[in-house]
N, C-alpha and C. Protein backbone atom coordinates (compact mmCIF):
# COMPACT_ATOMS: atom_id res chain seq x y z
N MET A 1 117.96 205.06 -112.47
CA MET A 1 116.57 205.38 -112.67
C MET A 1 116.20 205.24 -114.14
N ARG A 2 117.12 205.77 -115.01
CA ARG A 2 116.86 205.66 -116.45
C ARG A 2 116.76 204.19 -116.88
N LYS A 3 117.63 203.33 -116.33
CA LYS A 3 117.61 201.92 -116.68
C LYS A 3 116.28 201.29 -116.30
N ILE A 4 115.74 201.64 -115.15
CA ILE A 4 114.46 201.09 -114.70
C ILE A 4 113.34 201.57 -115.62
N LEU A 5 113.32 202.87 -115.94
CA LEU A 5 112.30 203.41 -116.85
C LEU A 5 112.41 202.78 -118.22
N PHE A 6 113.63 202.63 -118.72
CA PHE A 6 113.82 202.01 -120.04
C PHE A 6 113.35 200.56 -120.03
N ALA A 7 113.66 199.82 -118.96
CA ALA A 7 113.24 198.43 -118.85
C ALA A 7 111.72 198.35 -118.79
N ASN A 8 111.08 199.20 -118.01
CA ASN A 8 109.61 199.22 -117.92
C ASN A 8 108.99 199.59 -119.26
N PHE A 9 109.55 200.60 -119.94
CA PHE A 9 109.04 201.02 -121.24
C PHE A 9 109.19 199.89 -122.27
N SER A 10 110.33 199.20 -122.26
CA SER A 10 110.56 198.08 -123.18
C SER A 10 109.55 196.96 -122.93
N ALA A 11 109.31 196.67 -121.68
CA ALA A 11 108.34 195.61 -121.35
C ALA A 11 106.94 196.02 -121.82
N LEU A 12 106.58 197.29 -121.64
CA LEU A 12 105.28 197.79 -122.06
C LEU A 12 105.13 197.70 -123.58
N VAL A 13 106.14 198.08 -124.31
CA VAL A 13 106.10 198.00 -125.77
C VAL A 13 106.00 196.54 -126.22
N LEU A 14 106.78 195.66 -125.62
CA LEU A 14 106.76 194.25 -125.97
C LEU A 14 105.37 193.67 -125.71
N CYS A 15 104.77 193.98 -124.58
CA CYS A 15 103.43 193.47 -124.26
C CYS A 15 102.41 194.01 -125.24
N SER A 16 102.52 195.29 -125.59
CA SER A 16 101.57 195.88 -126.54
C SER A 16 101.67 195.24 -127.90
N VAL A 17 102.89 194.99 -128.38
CA VAL A 17 103.09 194.35 -129.67
C VAL A 17 102.52 192.94 -129.65
N THR A 18 102.79 192.21 -128.57
CA THR A 18 102.28 190.85 -128.45
C THR A 18 100.76 190.86 -128.44
N ALA A 19 100.16 191.77 -127.68
CA ALA A 19 98.70 191.85 -127.61
C ALA A 19 98.11 192.20 -128.97
N CYS A 20 98.74 193.11 -129.68
CA CYS A 20 98.25 193.47 -131.01
C CYS A 20 98.33 192.27 -131.95
N ALA A 21 99.41 191.54 -131.87
CA ALA A 21 99.57 190.37 -132.74
C ALA A 21 98.53 189.32 -132.41
N GLN A 22 98.26 189.12 -131.13
CA GLN A 22 97.24 188.14 -130.75
C GLN A 22 95.87 188.57 -131.25
N THR A 23 95.56 189.84 -131.08
CA THR A 23 94.27 190.35 -131.52
C THR A 23 94.12 190.18 -133.02
N LYS A 24 95.16 190.52 -133.78
CA LYS A 24 95.10 190.39 -135.22
C LYS A 24 94.95 188.92 -135.62
N THR A 25 95.69 188.04 -134.97
CA THR A 25 95.59 186.61 -135.25
C THR A 25 94.20 186.10 -134.93
N GLU A 26 93.65 186.52 -133.79
CA GLU A 26 92.31 186.08 -133.41
C GLU A 26 91.27 186.56 -134.43
N LYS A 27 91.41 187.80 -134.90
CA LYS A 27 90.48 188.33 -135.90
C LYS A 27 90.56 187.54 -137.19
N ILE A 28 91.76 187.23 -137.64
CA ILE A 28 91.94 186.45 -138.87
C ILE A 28 91.32 185.07 -138.69
N GLN A 29 91.53 184.46 -137.53
CA GLN A 29 90.96 183.14 -137.28
C GLN A 29 89.44 183.20 -137.29
N LYS A 30 88.85 184.24 -136.67
CA LYS A 30 87.38 184.37 -136.64
C LYS A 30 86.83 184.57 -138.06
N ILE A 31 87.51 185.39 -138.85
CA ILE A 31 87.07 185.61 -140.23
C ILE A 31 87.14 184.30 -141.01
N SER A 32 88.22 183.56 -140.83
CA SER A 32 88.37 182.28 -141.51
C SER A 32 87.27 181.31 -141.10
N GLU A 33 86.99 181.23 -139.79
CA GLU A 33 85.94 180.34 -139.30
C GLU A 33 84.58 180.75 -139.85
N THR A 34 84.32 182.06 -139.88
CA THR A 34 83.04 182.55 -140.40
C THR A 34 82.88 182.20 -141.87
N LYS A 35 83.94 182.40 -142.65
CA LYS A 35 83.88 182.05 -144.07
C LYS A 35 83.64 180.56 -144.25
N HIS A 36 84.30 179.74 -143.42
CA HIS A 36 84.15 178.28 -143.51
C HIS A 36 82.71 177.88 -143.18
N LEU A 37 82.15 178.45 -142.10
CA LEU A 37 80.77 178.13 -141.73
C LEU A 37 79.81 178.59 -142.82
N THR A 38 80.03 179.77 -143.36
CA THR A 38 79.17 180.27 -144.43
C THR A 38 79.26 179.36 -145.64
N LEU A 39 80.45 178.93 -145.98
CA LEU A 39 80.64 178.03 -147.11
C LEU A 39 79.90 176.72 -146.87
N LYS A 40 80.03 176.15 -145.67
CA LYS A 40 79.34 174.90 -145.36
C LYS A 40 77.83 175.08 -145.47
N LYS A 41 77.30 176.19 -144.92
CA LYS A 41 75.86 176.43 -144.98
C LYS A 41 75.42 176.62 -146.43
N THR A 42 76.19 177.35 -147.21
CA THR A 42 75.85 177.58 -148.61
C THR A 42 75.85 176.27 -149.37
N GLN A 43 76.87 175.45 -149.17
CA GLN A 43 76.93 174.18 -149.88
C GLN A 43 75.75 173.31 -149.50
N GLN A 44 75.44 173.26 -148.20
CA GLN A 44 74.34 172.42 -147.76
C GLN A 44 73.02 172.93 -148.34
N THR A 45 72.77 174.22 -148.27
CA THR A 45 71.54 174.78 -148.79
C THR A 45 71.46 174.58 -150.30
N MET A 46 72.56 174.81 -150.99
CA MET A 46 72.58 174.65 -152.44
C MET A 46 72.21 173.22 -152.82
N GLU A 47 72.81 172.25 -152.18
CA GLU A 47 72.54 170.85 -152.46
C GLU A 47 71.09 170.50 -152.14
N LEU A 48 70.64 170.84 -150.96
CA LEU A 48 69.30 170.46 -150.53
C LEU A 48 68.21 171.19 -151.31
N SER A 49 68.54 172.32 -151.87
CA SER A 49 67.53 173.06 -152.64
C SER A 49 67.13 172.30 -153.91
N LYS A 50 67.91 171.30 -154.29
CA LYS A 50 67.57 170.47 -155.45
C LYS A 50 66.38 169.56 -155.16
N ILE A 51 66.11 169.31 -153.88
CA ILE A 51 65.02 168.41 -153.48
C ILE A 51 63.72 169.20 -153.52
N THR A 52 62.88 168.88 -154.48
CA THR A 52 61.67 169.67 -154.74
C THR A 52 60.49 169.31 -153.86
N ASN A 53 60.45 168.12 -153.30
CA ASN A 53 59.36 167.74 -152.40
C ASN A 53 59.65 168.37 -151.04
N PRO A 54 58.75 169.26 -150.55
CA PRO A 54 59.06 169.97 -149.30
C PRO A 54 59.24 169.07 -148.09
N THR A 55 58.50 167.97 -148.00
CA THR A 55 58.63 167.08 -146.85
C THR A 55 59.93 166.30 -146.92
N VAL A 56 60.29 165.84 -148.11
CA VAL A 56 61.58 165.15 -148.28
C VAL A 56 62.71 166.14 -147.98
N ASN A 57 62.58 167.36 -148.45
CA ASN A 57 63.60 168.38 -148.21
C ASN A 57 63.78 168.61 -146.71
N ALA A 58 62.66 168.73 -145.99
CA ALA A 58 62.75 168.95 -144.54
C ALA A 58 63.36 167.75 -143.84
N ALA A 59 62.97 166.55 -144.24
CA ALA A 59 63.52 165.34 -143.63
C ALA A 59 65.02 165.25 -143.91
N MET A 60 65.43 165.53 -145.14
CA MET A 60 66.84 165.44 -145.50
C MET A 60 67.66 166.55 -144.84
N THR A 61 67.07 167.69 -144.62
CA THR A 61 67.76 168.75 -143.88
C THR A 61 68.06 168.26 -142.47
N ALA A 62 67.07 167.63 -141.85
CA ALA A 62 67.28 167.07 -140.51
C ALA A 62 68.35 165.99 -140.55
N TRP A 63 68.30 165.12 -141.56
CA TRP A 63 69.31 164.05 -141.69
C TRP A 63 70.71 164.64 -141.80
N GLN A 64 70.88 165.60 -142.69
CA GLN A 64 72.19 166.20 -142.93
C GLN A 64 72.72 166.89 -141.67
N ASN A 65 71.79 167.40 -140.83
CA ASN A 65 72.19 168.07 -139.59
C ASN A 65 72.36 167.09 -138.43
N GLY A 66 72.12 165.80 -138.69
CA GLY A 66 72.25 164.79 -137.64
C GLY A 66 71.15 164.85 -136.60
N ASP A 67 70.00 165.40 -136.98
CA ASP A 67 68.86 165.57 -136.06
C ASP A 67 67.88 164.41 -136.25
N SER A 68 68.14 163.30 -135.57
CA SER A 68 67.32 162.11 -135.76
C SER A 68 65.89 162.30 -135.28
N LYS A 69 65.70 163.06 -134.23
CA LYS A 69 64.34 163.29 -133.71
C LYS A 69 63.47 163.97 -134.76
N THR A 70 63.98 165.01 -135.38
CA THR A 70 63.22 165.71 -136.42
C THR A 70 63.05 164.82 -137.64
N PHE A 71 64.11 164.12 -138.04
CA PHE A 71 64.03 163.21 -139.19
C PHE A 71 62.90 162.19 -138.97
N LEU A 72 62.86 161.58 -137.80
CA LEU A 72 61.85 160.57 -137.50
C LEU A 72 60.43 161.16 -137.49
N SER A 73 60.29 162.43 -137.20
CA SER A 73 58.96 163.04 -137.12
C SER A 73 58.25 163.06 -138.47
N TYR A 74 58.96 162.88 -139.56
CA TYR A 74 58.36 162.87 -140.90
C TYR A 74 57.87 161.48 -141.31
N PHE A 75 58.08 160.49 -140.46
CA PHE A 75 57.73 159.10 -140.76
C PHE A 75 56.57 158.64 -139.88
N THR A 76 55.88 157.62 -140.36
CA THR A 76 54.85 156.97 -139.56
C THR A 76 55.51 156.28 -138.37
N ALA A 77 54.69 155.76 -137.46
CA ALA A 77 55.22 155.13 -136.25
C ALA A 77 56.07 153.89 -136.55
N ASN A 78 55.70 153.13 -137.58
CA ASN A 78 56.43 151.90 -137.90
C ASN A 78 56.71 151.78 -139.40
N PRO A 79 57.58 152.63 -139.92
CA PRO A 79 57.87 152.54 -141.36
C PRO A 79 58.69 151.29 -141.67
N THR A 80 58.58 150.85 -142.91
CA THR A 80 59.42 149.74 -143.36
C THR A 80 60.62 150.31 -144.10
N MET A 81 61.62 149.46 -144.24
CA MET A 81 62.85 149.92 -144.90
C MET A 81 63.52 148.75 -145.59
N THR A 82 64.14 149.06 -146.73
CA THR A 82 65.02 148.09 -147.39
C THR A 82 66.37 148.76 -147.62
N ASP A 83 67.40 147.94 -147.57
CA ASP A 83 68.77 148.38 -147.84
C ASP A 83 69.31 147.44 -148.90
N ASP A 84 69.51 147.95 -150.09
CA ASP A 84 69.91 147.14 -151.25
C ASP A 84 68.93 145.98 -151.47
N GLY A 85 67.65 146.26 -151.25
CA GLY A 85 66.60 145.29 -151.51
C GLY A 85 66.28 144.35 -150.37
N SER A 86 67.09 144.36 -149.32
CA SER A 86 66.84 143.48 -148.18
C SER A 86 66.18 144.27 -147.05
N PRO A 87 65.22 143.66 -146.35
CA PRO A 87 64.58 144.35 -145.23
C PRO A 87 65.61 144.74 -144.17
N ARG A 88 65.37 145.88 -143.57
CA ARG A 88 66.27 146.38 -142.52
C ARG A 88 65.44 147.11 -141.49
N SER A 89 65.91 147.13 -140.25
CA SER A 89 65.23 147.86 -139.19
C SER A 89 65.40 149.36 -139.43
N PHE A 90 64.29 150.04 -139.65
CA PHE A 90 64.33 151.48 -139.89
C PHE A 90 64.88 152.20 -138.66
N GLN A 91 64.34 151.89 -137.50
CA GLN A 91 64.78 152.56 -136.26
C GLN A 91 66.26 152.30 -136.01
N GLY A 92 66.71 151.07 -136.26
CA GLY A 92 68.12 150.74 -136.08
C GLY A 92 69.02 151.52 -137.02
N PHE A 93 68.56 151.66 -138.29
CA PHE A 93 69.32 152.42 -139.27
C PHE A 93 69.48 153.87 -138.82
N VAL A 94 68.37 154.49 -138.44
CA VAL A 94 68.42 155.90 -138.04
C VAL A 94 69.32 156.08 -136.82
N LYS A 95 69.17 155.20 -135.84
CA LYS A 95 69.98 155.30 -134.62
C LYS A 95 71.47 155.15 -134.94
N GLU A 96 71.79 154.24 -135.83
CA GLU A 96 73.19 153.96 -136.17
C GLU A 96 73.80 155.01 -137.11
N ALA A 97 73.02 155.50 -138.08
CA ALA A 97 73.61 156.29 -139.16
C ALA A 97 73.38 157.80 -139.07
N CYS A 98 72.27 158.23 -138.50
CA CYS A 98 71.98 159.67 -138.48
C CYS A 98 73.01 160.39 -137.62
N GLY A 99 73.65 161.37 -138.20
CA GLY A 99 74.71 162.11 -137.53
C GLY A 99 76.09 161.57 -137.85
N GLU A 100 76.15 160.35 -138.39
CA GLU A 100 77.41 159.73 -138.76
C GLU A 100 77.58 159.64 -140.28
N GLU A 101 76.47 159.51 -140.99
CA GLU A 101 76.49 159.32 -142.44
C GLU A 101 75.68 160.43 -143.08
N LYS A 102 76.12 160.88 -144.27
CA LYS A 102 75.38 161.94 -144.93
C LYS A 102 75.72 162.03 -146.40
N PHE A 103 74.84 162.72 -147.13
CA PHE A 103 75.08 162.99 -148.54
C PHE A 103 76.16 164.06 -148.65
N LEU A 104 77.09 163.85 -149.56
CA LEU A 104 78.11 164.85 -149.88
C LEU A 104 77.67 165.67 -151.08
N THR A 105 76.97 165.03 -152.01
CA THR A 105 76.40 165.72 -153.18
C THR A 105 75.04 165.09 -153.46
N ILE A 106 74.20 165.86 -154.09
CA ILE A 106 72.93 165.35 -154.59
C ILE A 106 73.00 165.49 -156.11
N ASP A 107 73.04 164.34 -156.78
CA ASP A 107 73.24 164.34 -158.23
C ASP A 107 71.94 164.35 -159.01
N SER A 108 70.91 163.69 -158.48
CA SER A 108 69.63 163.69 -159.18
C SER A 108 68.48 163.57 -158.19
N VAL A 109 67.36 164.16 -158.58
CA VAL A 109 66.13 164.10 -157.80
C VAL A 109 65.03 163.75 -158.78
N GLU A 110 64.28 162.68 -158.49
CA GLU A 110 63.23 162.21 -159.40
C GLU A 110 61.98 161.86 -158.61
N ASN A 111 60.94 161.40 -159.33
CA ASN A 111 59.70 160.93 -158.73
C ASN A 111 59.08 161.99 -157.82
N ASP A 112 58.85 163.17 -158.39
CA ASP A 112 58.27 164.29 -157.65
C ASP A 112 59.07 164.65 -156.39
N GLY A 113 60.38 164.53 -156.48
CA GLY A 113 61.26 164.92 -155.38
C GLY A 113 61.40 163.88 -154.29
N LYS A 114 60.92 162.67 -154.50
CA LYS A 114 60.96 161.63 -153.46
C LYS A 114 62.12 160.65 -153.62
N ASP A 115 62.79 160.67 -154.78
CA ASP A 115 63.93 159.78 -155.02
C ASP A 115 65.18 160.64 -155.19
N ILE A 116 66.16 160.38 -154.34
CA ILE A 116 67.40 161.16 -154.33
C ILE A 116 68.57 160.23 -154.59
N THR A 117 69.47 160.67 -155.46
CA THR A 117 70.70 159.92 -155.72
C THR A 117 71.87 160.88 -155.59
N GLY A 118 72.95 160.40 -154.96
CA GLY A 118 74.13 161.23 -154.83
C GLY A 118 75.25 160.50 -154.13
N ASN A 119 76.36 161.20 -153.96
CA ASN A 119 77.51 160.63 -153.24
C ASN A 119 77.21 160.70 -151.75
N PHE A 120 77.46 159.59 -151.09
CA PHE A 120 77.07 159.44 -149.69
C PHE A 120 78.26 158.93 -148.90
N LYS A 121 78.54 159.58 -147.78
CA LYS A 121 79.61 159.14 -146.89
C LYS A 121 78.97 158.20 -145.87
N ALA A 122 79.28 156.92 -145.98
CA ALA A 122 78.64 155.89 -145.17
C ALA A 122 79.59 155.37 -144.09
N GLY A 123 80.12 156.27 -143.31
CA GLY A 123 80.98 155.89 -142.18
C GLY A 123 82.07 154.93 -142.56
N LYS A 124 82.13 153.80 -141.86
CA LYS A 124 83.20 152.81 -142.07
C LYS A 124 83.12 152.15 -143.44
N TRP A 125 81.98 152.28 -144.12
CA TRP A 125 81.81 151.64 -145.43
C TRP A 125 82.40 152.47 -146.57
N GLY A 126 82.73 153.72 -146.30
CA GLY A 126 83.34 154.56 -147.33
C GLY A 126 82.34 155.50 -147.98
N THR A 127 82.74 156.05 -149.10
CA THR A 127 81.91 157.00 -149.84
C THR A 127 81.58 156.39 -151.20
N PHE A 128 80.30 156.42 -151.56
CA PHE A 128 79.87 155.87 -152.83
C PHE A 128 78.50 156.43 -153.19
N LYS A 129 78.07 156.18 -154.40
CA LYS A 129 76.80 156.70 -154.89
C LYS A 129 75.66 155.84 -154.33
N VAL A 130 74.66 156.49 -153.72
CA VAL A 130 73.51 155.79 -153.15
C VAL A 130 72.21 156.46 -153.59
N PHE A 131 71.12 155.75 -153.32
CA PHE A 131 69.79 156.35 -153.51
C PHE A 131 69.01 156.23 -152.22
N PHE A 132 68.15 157.21 -151.99
CA PHE A 132 67.14 157.18 -150.94
C PHE A 132 65.82 157.35 -151.68
N LYS A 133 64.88 156.45 -151.46
CA LYS A 133 63.55 156.55 -152.07
C LYS A 133 62.52 156.60 -150.95
N PHE A 134 61.87 157.75 -150.84
CA PHE A 134 60.87 157.98 -149.81
C PHE A 134 59.49 157.62 -150.37
N HIS A 135 58.71 156.89 -149.59
CA HIS A 135 57.34 156.53 -149.96
C HIS A 135 56.40 157.29 -149.02
N GLN A 136 55.60 158.16 -149.60
CA GLN A 136 54.75 159.06 -148.82
C GLN A 136 53.30 158.58 -148.87
N ASN A 137 52.67 158.47 -147.69
CA ASN A 137 51.27 158.05 -147.65
C ASN A 137 50.32 159.24 -147.87
N SER A 138 49.03 158.98 -147.85
CA SER A 138 48.05 160.03 -148.14
C SER A 138 48.02 161.12 -147.06
N ASP A 139 48.55 160.83 -145.87
CA ASP A 139 48.63 161.83 -144.80
C ASP A 139 49.89 162.70 -144.91
N GLY A 140 50.75 162.40 -145.89
CA GLY A 140 51.97 163.17 -146.07
C GLY A 140 53.16 162.62 -145.31
N LYS A 141 52.96 161.58 -144.50
CA LYS A 141 54.06 160.96 -143.76
C LYS A 141 54.71 159.89 -144.62
N PHE A 142 55.96 159.59 -144.32
CA PHE A 142 56.65 158.53 -145.03
C PHE A 142 56.41 157.21 -144.30
N ASP A 143 56.00 156.19 -145.05
CA ASP A 143 55.76 154.88 -144.44
C ASP A 143 56.79 153.84 -144.89
N ARG A 144 57.69 154.27 -145.77
CA ARG A 144 58.74 153.37 -146.24
C ARG A 144 59.91 154.18 -146.75
N LEU A 145 61.10 153.62 -146.55
CA LEU A 145 62.33 154.20 -147.09
C LEU A 145 63.15 153.08 -147.69
N ASP A 146 63.49 153.22 -148.96
CA ASP A 146 64.38 152.28 -149.63
C ASP A 146 65.70 152.99 -149.88
N ILE A 147 66.79 152.36 -149.45
CA ILE A 147 68.11 152.91 -149.72
C ILE A 147 68.95 151.83 -150.37
N GLY A 148 70.02 152.25 -151.01
CA GLY A 148 70.92 151.27 -151.59
C GLY A 148 71.98 151.92 -152.44
N GLN A 149 72.89 151.11 -152.87
CA GLN A 149 73.96 151.60 -153.73
C GLN A 149 73.41 151.80 -155.13
N ALA A 150 73.62 153.00 -155.67
CA ALA A 150 73.13 153.35 -157.00
C ALA A 150 74.13 152.89 -158.04
N LYS A 151 73.60 152.60 -159.18
CA LYS A 151 74.47 152.21 -160.31
C LYS A 151 75.14 153.47 -160.84
N PRO A 152 76.43 153.36 -161.15
CA PRO A 152 77.17 154.54 -161.64
C PRO A 152 76.66 155.06 -162.97
């Protein structure tokens, strides 16, 4: 009888220790994930806060979040676009790049907050310094976007 009680007690202690360890590990993992998410949000907010034009800021927030629908809402129905000076399909660019490519840093903001330069992760093309130049019409919508590789 003692052997059975001892075996049951040992199993109970072992299960309790294992459960405590799992709970502690899960808590540490949740804290780590929360800190990581907070860090990502802080970095994103800190970077985007450099963009002084509120419409460009809102559009770039959508871009950074991979929200193409919201990003497109800041543009006219048929905006024009250039990529390194060559015409490019705006809709094609957004469909291909939004959610896949993003700014890693914002190094400078000029032209009343409409010109942004920074390090950009361009998917298969790698990471390099680029510019985005937003052209805003009198209604506040963007009717053109020029992007390209910035000079170092």
